[in-house]
Amino acid sequence: MDVASLASFSTQLSQAQLQQQVQISTLKSAQDMAAASVLQLLDSVATSSPVTATSANPNLGGQIDIRV
């Protein structure tokens, strides 16, 4: 191998490594944003879910008669 081909190979390898680092950084950023969105969604579901009132008589409403 001559010096020019070694230099070209080194440059290509360096560019490939840089591209891989950029892709990993972008993926980590997307994962962080997705995690933040999930936490926000879970918080909104937890705060907006209606509180069900407990029945004074726990035997009522436990069964439903359905005729077909």
PDB file of N, CA and C in Angstrom:
ATOM      1  N   MET A   1       0.848  -1.181   0.000  1.00  0.00           N
ATOM      2  CA  MET A   1       0.000   0.000   0.000  1.00  0.00           C
ATOM      3  C   MET A   1       0.890   1.240   0.000  1.00  0.00           C
ATOM      4  N   ASP A   2       0.470   2.178  -0.753  1.00  0.00           N
ATOM      5  CA  ASP A   2       1.233   3.418  -0.754  1.00  0.00           C
ATOM      6  C   ASP A   2       0.640   4.402   0.245  1.00  0.00           C
ATOM      7  N   VAL A   3       1.324   5.502   0.416  1.00  0.00           N
ATOM      8  CA  VAL A   3       0.943   6.495   1.422  1.00  0.00           C
ATOM      9  C   VAL A   3      -0.410   7.121   1.092  1.00  0.00           C
ATOM     10  N   ALA A   4      -0.696   7.354  -0.161  1.00  0.00           N
ATOM     11  CA  ALA A   4      -1.960   7.987  -0.552  1.00  0.00           C
ATOM     12  C   ALA A   4      -3.147   7.089  -0.211  1.00  0.00           C
ATOM     13  N   SER A   5      -3.012   5.794  -0.454  1.00  0.00           N
ATOM     14  CA  SER A   5      -4.131   4.899  -0.150  1.00  0.00           C
ATOM     15  C   SER A   5      -4.315   4.741   1.360  1.00  0.00           C
ATOM     16  N   LEU A   6      -3.225   4.746   2.116  1.00  0.00           N
ATOM     17  CA  LEU A   6      -3.338   4.701   3.571  1.00  0.00           C
ATOM     18  C   LEU A   6      -4.012   5.957   4.118  1.00  0.00           C
ATOM     19  N   ALA A   7      -3.665   7.091   3.571  1.00  0.00           N
ATOM     20  CA  ALA A   7      -4.278   8.345   4.002  1.00  0.00           C
ATOM     21  C   ALA A   7      -5.758   8.355   3.663  1.00  0.00           C
ATOM     22  N   SER A   8      -6.108   7.864   2.489  1.00  0.00           N
ATOM     23  CA  SER A   8      -7.507   7.802   2.083  1.00  0.00           C
ATOM     24  C   SER A   8      -8.290   6.855   2.998  1.00  0.00           C
ATOM     25  N   PHE A   9      -7.699   5.701   3.289  1.00  0.00           N
ATOM     26  CA  PHE A   9      -8.346   4.739   4.177  1.00  0.00           C
ATOM     27  C   PHE A   9      -8.539   5.327   5.570  1.00  0.00           C
ATOM     28  N   SER A  10      -7.541   6.022   6.077  1.00  0.00           N
ATOM     29  CA  SER A  10      -7.622   6.642   7.397  1.00  0.00           C
ATOM     30  C   SER A  10      -8.720   7.703   7.442  1.00  0.00           C
ATOM     31  N   THR A  11      -8.822   8.479   6.384  1.00  0.00           N
ATOM     32  CA  THR A  11      -9.860   9.515   6.312  1.00  0.00           C
ATOM     33  C   THR A  11     -11.250   8.886   6.276  1.00  0.00           C
ATOM     34  N   GLN A  12     -11.405   7.844   5.477  1.00  0.00           N
ATOM     35  CA  GLN A  12     -12.701   7.168   5.388  1.00  0.00           C
ATOM     36  C   GLN A  12     -13.091   6.540   6.724  1.00  0.00           C
ATOM     37  N   LEU A  13     -12.123   5.939   7.407  1.00  0.00           N
ATOM     38  CA  LEU A  13     -12.384   5.334   8.708  1.00  0.00           C
ATOM     39  C   LEU A  13     -12.788   6.396   9.730  1.00  0.00           C
ATOM     40  N   SER A  14     -12.091   7.507   9.695  1.00  0.00           N
ATOM     41  CA  SER A  14     -12.417   8.599  10.617  1.00  0.00           C
ATOM     42  C   SER A  14     -13.822   9.135  10.356  1.00  0.00           C
ATOM     43  N   GLN A  15     -14.184   9.286   9.095  1.00  0.00           N
ATOM     44  CA  GLN A  15     -15.522   9.772   8.750  1.00  0.00           C
ATOM     45  C   GLN A  15     -16.598   8.773   9.168  1.00  0.00           C
ATOM     46  N   ALA A  16     -16.318   7.493   9.008  1.00  0.00           N
ATOM     47  CA  ALA A  16     -17.276   6.467   9.407  1.00  0.00           C
ATOM     48  C   ALA A  16     -17.468   6.471  10.918  1.00  0.00           C
ATOM     49  N   GLN A  17     -16.388   6.652  11.665  1.00  0.00           N
ATOM     50  CA  GLN A  17     -16.493   6.699  13.125  1.00  0.00           C
ATOM     51  C   GLN A  17     -17.275   7.929  13.569  1.00  0.00           C
ATOM     52  N   LEU A  18     -17.037   9.056  12.927  1.00  0.00           N
ATOM     53  CA  LEU A  18     -17.769  10.271  13.260  1.00  0.00           C
ATOM     54  C   LEU A  18     -19.254  10.102  12.955  1.00  0.00           C
ATOM     55  N   GLN A  19     -19.567   9.502  11.821  1.00  0.00           N
ATOM     56  CA  GLN A  19     -20.967   9.277  11.452  1.00  0.00           C
ATOM     57  C   GLN A  19     -21.644   8.354  12.470  1.00  0.00           C
ATOM     58  N   GLN A  20     -20.948   7.340  12.915  1.00  0.00           N
ATOM     59  CA  GLN A  20     -21.504   6.430  13.912  1.00  0.00           C
ATOM     60  C   GLN A  20     -21.743   7.152  15.234  1.00  0.00           C
ATOM     61  N   GLN A  21     -20.831   8.005  15.640  1.00  0.00           N
ATOM     62  CA  GLN A  21     -21.008   8.761  16.884  1.00  0.00           C
ATOM     63  C   GLN A  21     -22.205   9.703  16.787  1.00  0.00           C
ATOM     64  N   VAL A  22     -22.390  10.326  15.639  1.00  0.00           N
ATOM     65  CA  VAL A  22     -23.536  11.218  15.440  1.00  0.00           C
ATOM     66  C   VAL A  22     -24.839  10.424  15.493  1.00  0.00           C
ATOM     67  N   GLN A  23     -24.861   9.252  14.879  1.00  0.00           N
ATOM     68  CA  GLN A  23     -26.060   8.422  14.893  1.00  0.00           C
ATOM     69  C   GLN A  23     -26.402   7.969  16.312  1.00  0.00           C
ATOM     70  N   ILE A  24     -25.401   7.585  17.082  1.00  0.00           N
ATOM     71  CA  ILE A  24     -25.633   7.163  18.462  1.00  0.00           C
ATOM     72  C   ILE A  24     -26.143   8.324  19.297  1.00  0.00           C
ATOM     73  N   SER A  25     -25.562   9.493  19.100  1.00  0.00           N
ATOM     74  CA  SER A  25     -26.015  10.677  19.828  1.00  0.00           C
ATOM     75  C   SER A  25     -27.464  11.021  19.489  1.00  0.00           C
ATOM     76  N   THR A  26     -27.809  10.918  18.222  1.00  0.00           N
ATOM     77  CA  THR A  26     -29.184  11.188  17.796  1.00  0.00           C
ATOM     78  C   THR A  26     -30.153  10.172  18.395  1.00  0.00           C
ATOM     79  N   LEU A  27     -29.751   8.909  18.420  1.00  0.00           N
ATOM     80  CA  LEU A  27     -30.593   7.866  19.009  1.00  0.00           C
ATOM     81  C   LEU A  27     -30.804   8.101  20.499  1.00  0.00           C
ATOM     82  N   LYS A  28     -29.748   8.462  21.214  1.00  0.00           N
ATOM     83  CA  LYS A  28     -29.882   8.734  22.641  1.00  0.00           C
ATOM     84  C   LYS A  28     -30.802   9.922  22.891  1.00  0.00           C
ATOM     85  N   SER A  29     -30.699  10.925  22.045  1.00  0.00           N
ATOM     86  CA  SER A  29     -31.574  12.092  22.174  1.00  0.00           C
ATOM     87  C   SER A  29     -33.033  11.699  21.939  1.00  0.00           C
ATOM     88  N   ALA A  30     -33.276  10.869  20.940  1.00  0.00           N
ATOM     89  CA  ALA A  30     -34.643  10.412  20.654  1.00  0.00           C
ATOM     90  C   ALA A  30     -35.178   9.571  21.809  1.00  0.00           C
ATOM     91  N   GLN A  31     -34.338   8.742  22.405  1.00  0.00           N
ATOM     92  CA  GLN A  31     -34.767   7.928  23.543  1.00  0.00           C
ATOM     93  C   GLN A  31     -35.114   8.813  24.737  1.00  0.00           C
ATOM     94  N   ASP A  32     -34.314   9.838  24.980  1.00  0.00           N
ATOM     95  CA  ASP A  32     -34.596  10.756  26.088  1.00  0.00           C
ATOM     96  C   ASP A  32     -35.914  11.485  25.878  1.00  0.00           C
ATOM     97  N   MET A  33     -36.161  11.922  24.643  1.00  0.00           N
ATOM     98  CA  MET A  33     -37.420  12.609  24.360  1.00  0.00           C
ATOM     99  C   MET A  33     -38.604  11.666  24.504  1.00  0.00           C
ATOM    100  N   ALA A  34     -38.452  10.422  24.067  1.00  0.00           N
ATOM    101  CA  ALA A  34     -39.527   9.441  24.197  1.00  0.00           C
ATOM    102  C   ALA A  34     -39.803   9.140  25.668  1.00  0.00           C
ATOM    103  N   ALA A  35     -38.764   9.027  26.467  1.00  0.00           N
ATOM    104  CA  ALA A  35     -38.945   8.767  27.893  1.00  0.00           C
ATOM    105  C   ALA A  35     -39.664   9.928  28.568  1.00  0.00           C
ATOM    106  N   ALA A  36     -39.300  11.141  28.195  1.00  0.00           N
ATOM    107  CA  ALA A  36     -39.967  12.309  28.770  1.00  0.00           C
ATOM    108  C   ALA A  36     -41.441  12.343  28.357  1.00  0.00           C
ATOM    109  N   SER A  37     -41.729  11.983  27.123  1.00  0.00           N
ATOM    110  CA  SER A  37     -43.117  11.962  26.653  1.00  0.00           C
ATOM    111  C   SER A  37     -43.932  10.901  27.387  1.00  0.00           C
ATOM    112  N   VAL A  38     -43.343   9.747  27.610  1.00  0.00           N
ATOM    113  CA  VAL A  38     -44.045   8.684  28.330  1.00  0.00           C
ATOM    114  C   VAL A  38     -44.333   9.106  29.761  1.00  0.00           C
ATOM    115  N   LEU A  39     -43.355   9.724  30.412  1.00  0.00           N
ATOM    116  CA  LEU A  39     -43.585  10.186  31.785  1.00  0.00           C
ATOM    117  C   LEU A  39     -44.678  11.238  31.839  1.00  0.00           C
ATOM    118  N   GLN A  40     -44.675  12.142  30.874  1.00  0.00           N
ATOM    119  CA  GLN A  40     -45.714  13.169  30.827  1.00  0.00           C
ATOM    120  C   GLN A  40     -47.085  12.529  30.592  1.00  0.00           C
ATOM    121  N   LEU A  41     -47.145  11.543  29.709  1.00  0.00           N
ATOM    122  CA  LEU A  41     -48.406  10.849  29.438  1.00  0.00           C
ATOM    123  C   LEU A  41     -48.897  10.112  30.674  1.00  0.00           C
ATOM    124  N   LEU A  42     -48.000   9.422  31.363  1.00  0.00           N
ATOM    125  CA  LEU A  42     -48.395   8.706  32.576  1.00  0.00           C
ATOM    126  C   LEU A  42     -48.866   9.662  33.664  1.00  0.00           C
ATOM    127  N   ASP A  43     -48.199  10.797  33.790  1.00  0.00           N
ATOM    128  CA  ASP A  43     -48.639  11.784  34.776  1.00  0.00           C
ATOM    129  C   ASP A  43     -50.021  12.329  34.442  1.00  0.00           C
ATOM    130  N   SER A  44     -50.265  12.573  33.153  1.00  0.00           N
ATOM    131  CA  SER A  44     -51.580  13.114  32.779  1.00  0.00           C
ATOM    132  C   SER A  44     -52.677  12.083  32.979  1.00  0.00           C
ATOM    133  N   VAL A  45     -52.387  10.819  32.735  1.00  0.00           N
ATOM    134  CA  VAL A  45     -53.388   9.772  32.941  1.00  0.00           C
ATOM    135  C   VAL A  45     -53.679   9.602  34.423  1.00  0.00           C
ATOM    136  N   ALA A  46     -52.643   9.656  35.237  1.00  0.00           N
ATOM    137  CA  ALA A  46     -52.825   9.478  36.673  1.00  0.00           C
ATOM    138  C   ALA A  46     -53.624  10.625  37.280  1.00  0.00           C
ATOM    139  N   THR A  47     -53.420  11.841  36.799  1.00  0.00           N
ATOM    140  CA  THR A  47     -54.125  12.980  37.379  1.00  0.00           C
ATOM    141  C   THR A  47     -55.526  13.150  36.809  1.00  0.00           C
ATOM    142  N   SER A  48     -55.777  12.662  35.594  1.00  0.00           N
ATOM    143  CA  SER A  48     -57.091  12.884  34.988  1.00  0.00           C
ATOM    144  C   SER A  48     -58.044  11.706  35.152  1.00  0.00           C
ATOM    145  N   SER A  49     -57.585  10.607  35.706  1.00  0.00           N
ATOM    146  CA  SER A  49     -58.484   9.469  35.852  1.00  0.00           C
ATOM    147  C   SER A  49     -59.514   9.767  36.940  1.00  0.00           C
ATOM    148  N   PRO A  50     -60.766   9.492  36.647  1.00  0.00           N
ATOM    149  CA  PRO A  50     -61.809   9.798  37.627  1.00  0.00           C
ATOM    150  C   PRO A  50     -61.719   8.876  38.843  1.00  0.00           C
ATOM    151  N   VAL A  51     -62.033   9.442  39.966  1.00  0.00           N
ATOM    152  CA  VAL A  51     -62.040   8.664  41.202  1.00  0.00           C
ATOM    153  C   VAL A  51     -63.422   8.057  41.337  1.00  0.00           C
ATOM    154  N   THR A  52     -63.488   6.751  41.417  1.00  0.00           N
ATOM    155  CA  THR A  52     -64.782   6.084  41.525  1.00  0.00           C
ATOM    156  C   THR A  52     -65.223   6.063  42.979  1.00  0.00           C
ATOM    157  N   ALA A  53     -66.465   6.374  43.185  1.00  0.00           N
ATOM    158  CA  ALA A  53     -67.021   6.358  44.529  1.00  0.00           C
ATOM    159  C   ALA A  53     -67.327   4.921  44.927  1.00  0.00           C
ATOM    160  N   THR A  54     -67.034   4.596  46.127  1.00  0.00           N
ATOM    161  CA  THR A  54     -67.347   3.249  46.602  1.00  0.00           C
ATOM    162  C   THR A  54     -68.815   3.206  47.013  1.00  0.00           C
ATOM    163  N   SER A  55     -69.410   2.093  46.769  1.00  0.00           N
ATOM    164  CA  SER A  55     -70.825   1.921  47.073  1.00  0.00           C
ATOM    165  C   SER A  55     -71.005   1.713  48.572  1.00  0.00           C
ATOM    166  N   ALA A  56     -72.126   2.209  49.073  1.00  0.00           N
ATOM    167  CA  ALA A  56     -72.439   1.988  50.478  1.00  0.00           C
ATOM    168  C   ALA A  56     -72.733   0.513  50.715  1.00  0.00           C
ATOM    169  N   ASN A  57     -73.256  -0.145  49.688  1.00  0.00           N
ATOM    170  CA  ASN A  57     -73.551  -1.569  49.784  1.00  0.00           C
ATOM    171  C   ASN A  57     -72.665  -2.294  48.765  1.00  0.00           C
ATOM    172  N   PRO A  58     -71.632  -3.004  49.191  1.00  0.00           N
ATOM    173  CA  PRO A  58     -70.706  -3.632  48.241  1.00  0.00           C
ATOM    174  C   PRO A  58     -71.323  -4.777  47.445  1.00  0.00           C
ATOM    175  N   ASN A  59     -72.525  -5.245  47.833  1.00  0.00           N
ATOM    176  CA  ASN A  59     -73.166  -6.330  47.097  1.00  0.00           C
ATOM    177  C   ASN A  59     -73.907  -5.847  45.859  1.00  0.00           C
ATOM    178  N   LEU A  60     -74.141  -4.558  45.753  1.00  0.00           N
ATOM    179  CA  LEU A  60     -74.877  -4.019  44.614  1.00  0.00           C
ATOM    180  C   LEU A  60     -73.921  -3.797  43.430  1.00  0.00           C
ATOM    181  N   GLY A  61     -74.400  -4.139  42.242  1.00  0.00           N
ATOM    182  CA  GLY A  61     -73.627  -3.876  41.038  1.00  0.00           C
ATOM    183  C   GLY A  61     -72.577  -4.911  40.719  1.00  0.00           C
ATOM    184  N   GLY A  62     -72.578  -6.002  41.433  1.00  0.00           N
ATOM    185  CA  GLY A  62     -71.567  -7.018  41.192  1.00  0.00           C
ATOM    186  C   GLY A  62     -71.922  -7.973  40.077  1.00  0.00           C
ATOM    187  N   GLN A  63     -73.213  -8.042  39.702  1.00  0.00           N
ATOM    188  CA  GLN A  63     -73.642  -8.960  38.661  1.00  0.00           C
ATOM    189  C   GLN A  63     -74.590  -8.240  37.716  1.00  0.00           C
ATOM    190  N   ILE A  64     -74.546  -8.662  36.459  1.00  0.00           N
ATOM    191  CA  ILE A  64     -75.423  -8.077  35.441  1.00  0.00           C
ATOM    192  C   ILE A  64     -76.146  -9.228  34.740  1.00  0.00           C
ATOM    193  N   ASP A  65     -77.477  -9.131  34.650  1.00  0.00           N
ATOM    194  CA  ASP A  65     -78.251 -10.143  33.926  1.00  0.00           C
ATOM    195  C   ASP A  65     -78.374  -9.707  32.478  1.00  0.00           C
ATOM    196  N   ILE A  66     -77.982 -10.600  31.578  1.00  0.00           N
ATOM    197  CA  ILE A  66     -78.049 -10.311  30.149  1.00  0.00           C
ATOM    198  C   ILE A  66     -78.807 -11.448  29.472  1.00  0.00           C
ATOM    199  N   ARG A  67     -79.824 -11.066  28.670  1.00  0.00           N
ATOM    200  CA  ARG A  67     -80.600 -12.080  27.947  1.00  0.00           C
ATOM    201  C   ARG A  67     -80.337 -11.877  26.456  1.00  0.00           C
ATOM    202  N   VAL A  68     -80.113 -12.982  25.791  1.00  0.00           N
ATOM    203  CA  VAL A  68     -79.856 -12.914  24.352  1.00  0.00           C
ATOM    204  C   VAL A  68     -81.001 -13.526  23.591  1.00  0.00           C
TER     205      VAL A  68
END
